[in-house]
Amino acid sequence: MDMPPEERREIDPNIREARRHARAARKEMAQAIEGLFPPRFVEHRRAARREWLLAMRSMVNAAIDRLDRMEGTQPPPPQNPPA
């Protein structure tokens, strides 16, 4: 959210430092937890997460296409010929 300069508050340096430490702690904790598992498990988990995200992308794209068709801004999908 972009605010006009007169409405922006300067972030307290202590808060900025706390956020930086929190990000570093999160990264270190993630690496520590990841180190508990065998490398193949970590690779599989990453691949599974990627596939899940691709599935979510497909669902969002399908929903957008359906909305476009309902609004008449996109032609209907091609029909598969009967086998």
Protein backbone atom coordinates (compact mmCIF):
# COMPACT_ATOMS: atom_id res chain seq x y z
CA MET A 1 0.00 0.00 0.00
CA ASP A 2 1.59 3.23 -1.15
CA MET A 3 1.04 6.20 1.11
CA PRO A 4 1.74 9.86 0.41
CA PRO A 5 5.08 10.97 1.91
CA GLU A 6 3.40 13.13 4.55
CA GLU A 7 1.46 10.09 5.87
CA ARG A 8 4.40 7.69 5.96
CA ARG A 9 5.90 6.98 9.32
CA GLU A 10 9.57 6.36 9.67
CA ILE A 11 10.17 2.80 10.88
CA ASP A 12 11.87 2.74 14.25
CA PRO A 13 15.46 1.46 13.83
CA ASN A 14 14.87 -0.98 16.70
CA ILE A 15 11.89 -2.49 14.90
CA ARG A 16 13.88 -2.69 11.67
CA GLU A 17 16.68 -4.51 13.52
CA ALA A 18 14.20 -6.86 15.24
CA ARG A 19 12.71 -7.77 11.84
CA ARG A 20 16.17 -8.42 10.42
CA HIS A 21 16.98 -10.73 13.35
CA ALA A 22 13.62 -12.50 13.02
CA ARG A 23 14.27 -13.18 9.31
CA ALA A 24 17.75 -14.50 10.09
CA ALA A 25 16.38 -16.71 12.89
CA ARG A 26 13.69 -18.09 10.58
CA LYS A 27 16.28 -18.92 7.93
CA GLU A 28 18.56 -20.64 10.47
CA MET A 29 15.65 -22.60 11.96
CA ALA A 30 14.54 -23.78 8.51
CA GLN A 31 18.07 -24.94 7.73
CA ALA A 32 18.31 -26.76 11.07
CA ILE A 33 15.01 -28.56 10.54
CA GLU A 34 15.94 -29.41 6.96
CA GLY A 35 19.20 -30.91 8.25
CA LEU A 36 17.21 -33.48 10.24
CA PHE A 37 15.99 -35.18 7.06
CA PRO A 38 17.87 -37.12 4.39
CA PRO A 39 18.69 -35.12 1.23
CA ARG A 40 16.37 -37.25 -0.93
CA PHE A 41 13.45 -36.46 1.37
CA VAL A 42 14.18 -32.74 1.09
CA GLU A 43 14.38 -33.00 -2.72
CA HIS A 44 11.10 -34.95 -2.83
CA ARG A 45 9.39 -32.45 -0.54
CA ARG A 46 10.49 -29.55 -2.75
CA ALA A 47 9.30 -31.34 -5.90
CA ALA A 48 5.96 -32.15 -4.27
CA ARG A 49 5.52 -28.54 -3.16
CA ARG A 50 6.27 -27.36 -6.70
CA GLU A 51 3.69 -29.77 -8.14
CA TRP A 52 1.12 -28.60 -5.60
CA LEU A 53 1.77 -24.97 -6.54
CA LEU A 54 1.44 -25.81 -10.25
CA ALA A 55 -1.89 -27.51 -9.50
CA MET A 56 -3.08 -24.40 -7.65
CA ARG A 57 -1.99 -22.25 -10.60
CA SER A 58 -4.01 -24.46 -12.95
CA MET A 59 -7.08 -24.16 -10.74
CA VAL A 60 -6.78 -20.37 -10.59
CA ASN A 61 -6.31 -20.17 -14.37
CA ALA A 62 -9.37 -22.38 -14.91
CA ALA A 63 -11.45 -20.18 -12.60
CA ILE A 64 -10.31 -17.05 -14.46
CA ASP A 65 -11.15 -18.68 -17.81
CA ARG A 66 -14.60 -19.63 -16.52
CA LEU A 67 -15.23 -16.04 -15.37
CA ASP A 68 -14.09 -14.72 -18.74
CA ARG A 69 -16.46 -17.09 -20.53
CA MET A 70 -19.33 -16.04 -18.25
CA GLU A 71 -18.63 -12.40 -19.08
CA GLY A 72 -18.39 -13.21 -22.78
CA THR A 73 -14.79 -12.00 -23.11
CA GLN A 74 -13.41 -15.39 -24.08
CA PRO A 75 -14.66 -18.06 -26.48
CA PRO A 76 -15.67 -21.44 -25.02
CA PRO A 77 -12.98 -24.11 -24.88
CA PRO A 78 -12.76 -26.51 -27.84
CA GLN A 79 -14.84 -29.68 -27.50
CA ASN A 80 -13.11 -33.05 -27.76
CA PRO A 81 -14.62 -35.13 -30.59
CA PRO A 82 -16.45 -38.26 -29.39
CA ALA A 83 -14.36 -41.39 -29.57
